[in-house]
Amino acid sequence: FFTYGSVRGAAGNSRPYRDNAKAVRIVLQESERVLAVFQGHSHQNDLKEILGIHYCTFVAMVEGAGLDNNGYSVVKLYANGSIEIDGFCKQKDYRWPKPNDKADPLIGE
């Protein structure tokens, strides 16, 4: 699930967040089909898990002048449900759960 504003909401102490963040999280949880939520806006550059869903907040693509202030990622989704985020510049790397060596990426590479 991709969103500009954070739906992690107050439960993750993330500001700014959507006014309906809790309602959105309930819909995502009840679907039982969401592995992760990728969000921005707050530029926190972190990963939190709430009730089995990983909420990844990306760093800003540009926070100032020069390459050192940039951030971007390559996200890989694997058939076994694993996800890898390879971060560049200011963006951190994240992996959950760690894929086995034979996992085939659905997207990426």
N, C-alpha and C. Protein backbone atom coordinates (compact mmCIF):
# COMPACT_ATOMS: atom_id res chain seq x y z
N PHE A 1 0.86 -1.16 0.00
CA PHE A 1 0.00 0.00 0.00
C PHE A 1 0.90 1.22 0.00
N PHE A 2 0.67 2.15 -0.92
CA PHE A 2 1.47 3.37 -1.03
C PHE A 2 0.61 4.58 -0.71
N THR A 3 1.14 5.48 0.11
CA THR A 3 0.41 6.69 0.46
C THR A 3 1.38 7.83 0.71
N TYR A 4 0.95 9.02 0.40
CA TYR A 4 1.80 10.19 0.62
C TYR A 4 1.84 10.55 2.11
N GLY A 5 0.69 10.67 2.74
CA GLY A 5 0.62 11.01 4.16
C GLY A 5 0.67 9.76 5.01
N SER A 6 1.22 9.87 6.19
CA SER A 6 1.37 8.73 7.08
C SER A 6 0.02 8.21 7.57
N VAL A 7 -0.14 6.90 7.52
CA VAL A 7 -1.32 6.28 8.13
C VAL A 7 -0.92 5.53 9.39
N ARG A 8 0.34 5.70 9.79
CA ARG A 8 0.78 5.11 11.04
C ARG A 8 0.12 5.83 12.20
N GLY A 9 -0.10 7.10 12.05
CA GLY A 9 -0.84 7.89 13.02
C GLY A 9 -0.22 7.93 14.39
N ALA A 10 -1.01 8.32 15.34
CA ALA A 10 -0.55 8.51 16.71
C ALA A 10 0.02 7.23 17.31
N ALA A 11 -0.47 6.07 16.86
CA ALA A 11 0.02 4.80 17.42
C ALA A 11 1.52 4.64 17.19
N GLY A 12 2.03 5.22 16.11
CA GLY A 12 3.46 5.15 15.83
C GLY A 12 4.16 6.44 16.15
N ASN A 13 3.45 7.39 16.75
CA ASN A 13 3.99 8.69 17.09
C ASN A 13 4.55 9.40 15.87
N SER A 14 3.88 9.26 14.76
CA SER A 14 4.32 9.85 13.50
C SER A 14 3.47 11.07 13.17
N ARG A 15 4.09 12.18 12.96
CA ARG A 15 3.42 13.41 12.55
C ARG A 15 4.08 13.91 11.30
N PRO A 16 3.48 14.54 10.35
CA PRO A 16 2.03 14.66 10.29
C PRO A 16 1.39 13.36 9.82
N TYR A 17 0.20 13.12 10.21
CA TYR A 17 -0.48 11.91 9.78
C TYR A 17 -1.90 12.24 9.32
N ARG A 18 -2.48 11.31 8.62
CA ARG A 18 -3.83 11.47 8.10
C ARG A 18 -4.82 11.53 9.27
N ASP A 19 -5.83 12.38 9.15
CA ASP A 19 -6.85 12.47 10.20
C ASP A 19 -7.58 11.15 10.40
N ASN A 20 -7.65 10.34 9.34
CA ASN A 20 -8.34 9.06 9.43
C ASN A 20 -7.36 7.89 9.49
N ALA A 21 -6.17 8.11 10.02
CA ALA A 21 -5.13 7.08 10.03
C ALA A 21 -5.60 5.79 10.69
N LYS A 22 -6.25 5.90 11.84
CA LYS A 22 -6.70 4.69 12.53
C LYS A 22 -7.71 3.91 11.70
N ALA A 23 -8.65 4.60 11.09
CA ALA A 23 -9.66 3.94 10.26
C ALA A 23 -9.00 3.25 9.06
N VAL A 24 -8.01 3.90 8.47
CA VAL A 24 -7.30 3.29 7.33
C VAL A 24 -6.55 2.05 7.78
N ARG A 25 -5.88 2.12 8.93
CA ARG A 25 -5.15 0.96 9.44
C ARG A 25 -6.09 -0.22 9.71
N ILE A 26 -7.27 0.05 10.20
CA ILE A 26 -8.26 -1.02 10.45
C ILE A 26 -8.64 -1.70 9.14
N VAL A 27 -8.90 -0.92 8.10
CA VAL A 27 -9.25 -1.50 6.79
C VAL A 27 -8.09 -2.35 6.28
N LEU A 28 -6.87 -1.85 6.39
CA LEU A 28 -5.70 -2.59 5.92
C LEU A 28 -5.53 -3.90 6.70
N GLN A 29 -5.69 -3.83 8.01
CA GLN A 29 -5.54 -5.03 8.85
C GLN A 29 -6.63 -6.05 8.56
N GLU A 30 -7.86 -5.60 8.41
CA GLU A 30 -8.97 -6.52 8.16
C GLU A 30 -8.90 -7.17 6.79
N SER A 31 -8.20 -6.54 5.85
CA SER A 31 -8.08 -7.14 4.52
C SER A 31 -7.22 -8.40 4.55
N GLU A 32 -6.31 -8.48 5.51
CA GLU A 32 -5.38 -9.60 5.63
C GLU A 32 -4.57 -9.83 4.36
N ARG A 33 -4.39 -8.78 3.57
CA ARG A 33 -3.66 -8.88 2.31
C ARG A 33 -2.52 -7.87 2.22
N VAL A 34 -2.34 -7.05 3.23
CA VAL A 34 -1.33 -5.99 3.17
C VAL A 34 -0.07 -6.43 3.91
N LEU A 35 1.04 -6.48 3.18
CA LEU A 35 2.33 -6.82 3.79
C LEU A 35 3.01 -5.59 4.36
N ALA A 36 2.84 -4.46 3.66
CA ALA A 36 3.57 -3.26 4.06
C ALA A 36 2.86 -2.02 3.56
N VAL A 37 3.14 -0.92 4.25
CA VAL A 37 2.66 0.40 3.86
C VAL A 37 3.90 1.26 3.63
N PHE A 38 3.99 1.85 2.46
CA PHE A 38 5.10 2.74 2.13
C PHE A 38 4.55 4.16 2.11
N GLN A 39 5.14 5.02 2.93
CA GLN A 39 4.61 6.36 3.09
C GLN A 39 5.74 7.38 3.18
N GLY A 40 5.36 8.62 3.01
CA GLY A 40 6.34 9.70 3.06
C GLY A 40 5.83 10.85 3.89
N HIS A 41 6.07 12.02 3.40
CA HIS A 41 5.64 13.29 3.96
C HIS A 41 6.38 13.68 5.23
N SER A 42 6.46 12.81 6.23
CA SER A 42 7.14 13.19 7.47
C SER A 42 8.65 13.02 7.36
N HIS A 43 9.12 12.26 6.36
CA HIS A 43 10.54 12.07 6.06
C HIS A 43 11.30 11.40 7.22
N GLN A 44 10.63 10.61 8.04
CA GLN A 44 11.25 10.03 9.23
C GLN A 44 12.31 8.97 8.96
N ASN A 45 12.24 8.31 7.81
CA ASN A 45 13.24 7.30 7.48
C ASN A 45 13.26 6.18 8.53
N ASP A 46 12.10 5.57 8.73
CA ASP A 46 12.05 4.51 9.73
C ASP A 46 11.07 3.41 9.35
N LEU A 47 11.09 2.36 10.14
CA LEU A 47 10.23 1.20 9.90
C LEU A 47 9.64 0.77 11.24
N LYS A 48 8.33 0.66 11.29
CA LYS A 48 7.63 0.20 12.50
C LYS A 48 6.63 -0.87 12.09
N GLU A 49 6.36 -1.79 13.00
CA GLU A 49 5.34 -2.80 12.76
C GLU A 49 4.18 -2.56 13.71
N ILE A 50 2.98 -2.54 13.15
CA ILE A 50 1.76 -2.40 13.94
C ILE A 50 0.83 -3.53 13.54
N LEU A 51 0.57 -4.42 14.48
CA LEU A 51 -0.34 -5.55 14.28
C LEU A 51 -0.05 -6.33 12.99
N GLY A 52 1.23 -6.61 12.76
CA GLY A 52 1.63 -7.45 11.64
C GLY A 52 1.85 -6.75 10.32
N ILE A 53 1.61 -5.46 10.25
CA ILE A 53 1.85 -4.70 9.02
C ILE A 53 3.05 -3.79 9.25
N HIS A 54 3.99 -3.81 8.31
CA HIS A 54 5.18 -2.97 8.39
C HIS A 54 4.88 -1.61 7.76
N TYR A 55 5.17 -0.55 8.49
CA TYR A 55 4.96 0.82 8.03
C TYR A 55 6.33 1.45 7.81
N CYS A 56 6.68 1.63 6.54
CA CYS A 56 7.98 2.19 6.17
C CYS A 56 7.78 3.65 5.76
N THR A 57 8.42 4.55 6.48
CA THR A 57 8.36 5.96 6.16
C THR A 57 9.69 6.34 5.51
N PHE A 58 9.62 6.75 4.26
CA PHE A 58 10.84 7.07 3.51
C PHE A 58 11.35 8.46 3.85
N VAL A 59 12.66 8.61 3.72
CA VAL A 59 13.29 9.92 3.83
C VAL A 59 12.88 10.74 2.60
N ALA A 60 13.00 12.05 2.68
CA ALA A 60 12.67 12.90 1.53
C ALA A 60 13.64 12.65 0.38
N MET A 61 13.14 12.75 -0.84
CA MET A 61 14.02 12.61 -1.99
C MET A 61 15.05 13.74 -2.02
N VAL A 62 14.63 14.94 -1.65
CA VAL A 62 15.54 16.09 -1.63
C VAL A 62 15.25 16.90 -0.37
N GLU A 63 16.26 17.08 0.46
CA GLU A 63 16.13 17.89 1.67
C GLU A 63 16.98 19.14 1.60
N GLY A 64 17.77 19.28 0.56
CA GLY A 64 18.64 20.44 0.41
C GLY A 64 19.51 20.27 -0.82
N ALA A 65 20.50 21.12 -0.94
CA ALA A 65 21.37 21.11 -2.11
C ALA A 65 22.37 19.94 -2.05
N GLY A 66 22.73 19.41 -3.20
CA GLY A 66 23.76 18.39 -3.30
C GLY A 66 23.26 16.98 -3.10
N LEU A 67 24.05 16.03 -3.60
CA LEU A 67 23.68 14.62 -3.54
C LEU A 67 23.57 14.10 -2.11
N ASP A 68 24.33 14.67 -1.19
CA ASP A 68 24.30 14.20 0.20
C ASP A 68 22.95 14.41 0.86
N ASN A 69 22.12 15.25 0.30
CA ASN A 69 20.81 15.53 0.89
C ASN A 69 19.68 14.82 0.16
N ASN A 70 20.02 13.89 -0.72
CA ASN A 70 19.02 13.13 -1.47
C ASN A 70 18.76 11.79 -0.80
N GLY A 71 17.68 11.17 -1.16
CA GLY A 71 17.39 9.82 -0.71
C GLY A 71 16.44 9.15 -1.68
N TYR A 72 16.73 7.90 -2.00
CA TYR A 72 15.83 7.12 -2.85
C TYR A 72 16.03 5.65 -2.55
N SER A 73 15.14 4.82 -3.07
CA SER A 73 15.15 3.40 -2.74
C SER A 73 14.79 2.55 -3.93
N VAL A 74 15.22 1.30 -3.86
CA VAL A 74 14.75 0.25 -4.75
C VAL A 74 14.05 -0.76 -3.84
N VAL A 75 12.78 -1.01 -4.12
CA VAL A 75 11.99 -1.94 -3.31
C VAL A 75 11.83 -3.24 -4.10
N LYS A 76 12.15 -4.35 -3.43
CA LYS A 76 12.02 -5.67 -4.06
C LYS A 76 10.99 -6.48 -3.27
N LEU A 77 9.99 -6.99 -3.99
CA LEU A 77 8.96 -7.84 -3.39
C LEU A 77 9.21 -9.27 -3.86
N TYR A 78 9.24 -10.22 -2.93
CA TYR A 78 9.52 -11.61 -3.26
C TYR A 78 8.26 -12.46 -3.14
N ALA A 79 8.23 -13.52 -3.90
CA ALA A 79 7.07 -14.43 -3.92
C ALA A 79 6.79 -15.03 -2.54
N ASN A 80 7.81 -15.15 -1.69
CA ASN A 80 7.62 -15.71 -0.35
C ASN A 80 7.13 -14.67 0.66
N GLY A 81 6.82 -13.46 0.19
CA GLY A 81 6.31 -12.41 1.06
C GLY A 81 7.38 -11.53 1.66
N SER A 82 8.63 -11.81 1.38
CA SER A 82 9.73 -10.99 1.89
C SER A 82 9.83 -9.69 1.10
N ILE A 83 10.33 -8.67 1.77
CA ILE A 83 10.52 -7.37 1.13
C ILE A 83 11.90 -6.86 1.49
N GLU A 84 12.59 -6.32 0.50
CA GLU A 84 13.88 -5.66 0.70
C GLU A 84 13.79 -4.23 0.20
N ILE A 85 14.34 -3.33 0.97
CA ILE A 85 14.47 -1.95 0.53
C ILE A 85 15.94 -1.62 0.54
N ASP A 86 16.48 -1.35 -0.63
CA ASP A 86 17.86 -0.90 -0.75
C ASP A 86 17.84 0.61 -0.81
N GLY A 87 18.33 1.24 0.26
CA GLY A 87 18.33 2.69 0.34
C GLY A 87 19.62 3.28 -0.19
N PHE A 88 19.52 4.45 -0.75
CA PHE A 88 20.67 5.15 -1.29
C PHE A 88 20.72 6.56 -0.69
N CYS A 89 21.91 7.08 -0.58
CA CYS A 89 22.17 8.38 0.05
C CYS A 89 21.64 8.35 1.47
N LYS A 90 20.66 9.17 1.81
CA LYS A 90 20.17 9.23 3.20
C LYS A 90 19.14 8.16 3.55
N GLN A 91 18.63 7.41 2.57
CA GLN A 91 17.61 6.39 2.85
C GLN A 91 18.26 5.14 3.43
N LYS A 92 17.72 4.62 4.52
CA LYS A 92 18.21 3.39 5.15
C LYS A 92 17.76 2.15 4.37
N ASP A 93 18.50 1.07 4.53
CA ASP A 93 18.11 -0.24 4.02
C ASP A 93 17.20 -0.92 5.03
N TYR A 94 16.22 -1.67 4.54
CA TYR A 94 15.34 -2.46 5.41
C TYR A 94 15.09 -3.81 4.76
N ARG A 95 14.95 -4.85 5.58
CA ARG A 95 14.64 -6.18 5.10
C ARG A 95 13.70 -6.86 6.09
N TRP A 96 12.58 -7.42 5.58
CA TRP A 96 11.68 -8.17 6.46
C TRP A 96 10.84 -9.14 5.68
N PRO A 97 10.49 -10.32 6.18
CA PRO A 97 11.53 -11.13 6.81
C PRO A 97 12.60 -11.41 5.78
N LYS A 98 13.76 -11.82 6.22
CA LYS A 98 14.87 -12.01 5.29
C LYS A 98 14.55 -13.11 4.28
N PRO A 99 14.65 -12.81 2.98
CA PRO A 99 14.34 -13.83 1.97
C PRO A 99 15.43 -14.89 1.90
N ASN A 100 15.02 -16.09 1.49
CA ASN A 100 16.03 -17.12 1.31
C ASN A 100 16.76 -16.90 -0.02
N ASP A 101 17.84 -17.61 -0.21
CA ASP A 101 18.68 -17.39 -1.40
C ASP A 101 17.97 -17.73 -2.70
N LYS A 102 16.91 -18.54 -2.64
CA LYS A 102 16.23 -18.96 -3.87
C LYS A 102 14.96 -18.16 -4.15
N ALA A 103 14.71 -17.12 -3.36
CA ALA A 103 13.49 -16.32 -3.58
C ALA A 103 13.59 -15.57 -4.90
N ASP A 104 12.53 -15.63 -5.68
CA ASP A 104 12.47 -14.91 -6.94
C ASP A 104 11.77 -13.58 -6.76
N PRO A 105 12.41 -12.48 -7.14
CA PRO A 105 11.71 -11.20 -6.97
C PRO A 105 10.53 -11.07 -7.92
N LEU A 106 9.45 -10.53 -7.43
CA LEU A 106 8.30 -10.24 -8.28
C LEU A 106 8.51 -8.91 -8.99
N ILE A 107 9.13 -7.97 -8.27
CA ILE A 107 9.40 -6.65 -8.81
C ILE A 107 10.83 -6.30 -8.43
N GLY A 108 11.57 -5.75 -9.34
CA GLY A 108 12.94 -5.32 -9.07
C GLY A 108 13.94 -6.14 -9.86
N GLU A 109 15.17 -5.87 -9.62
CA GLU A 109 16.31 -6.51 -10.29
C GLU A 109 16.11 -6.61 -11.77
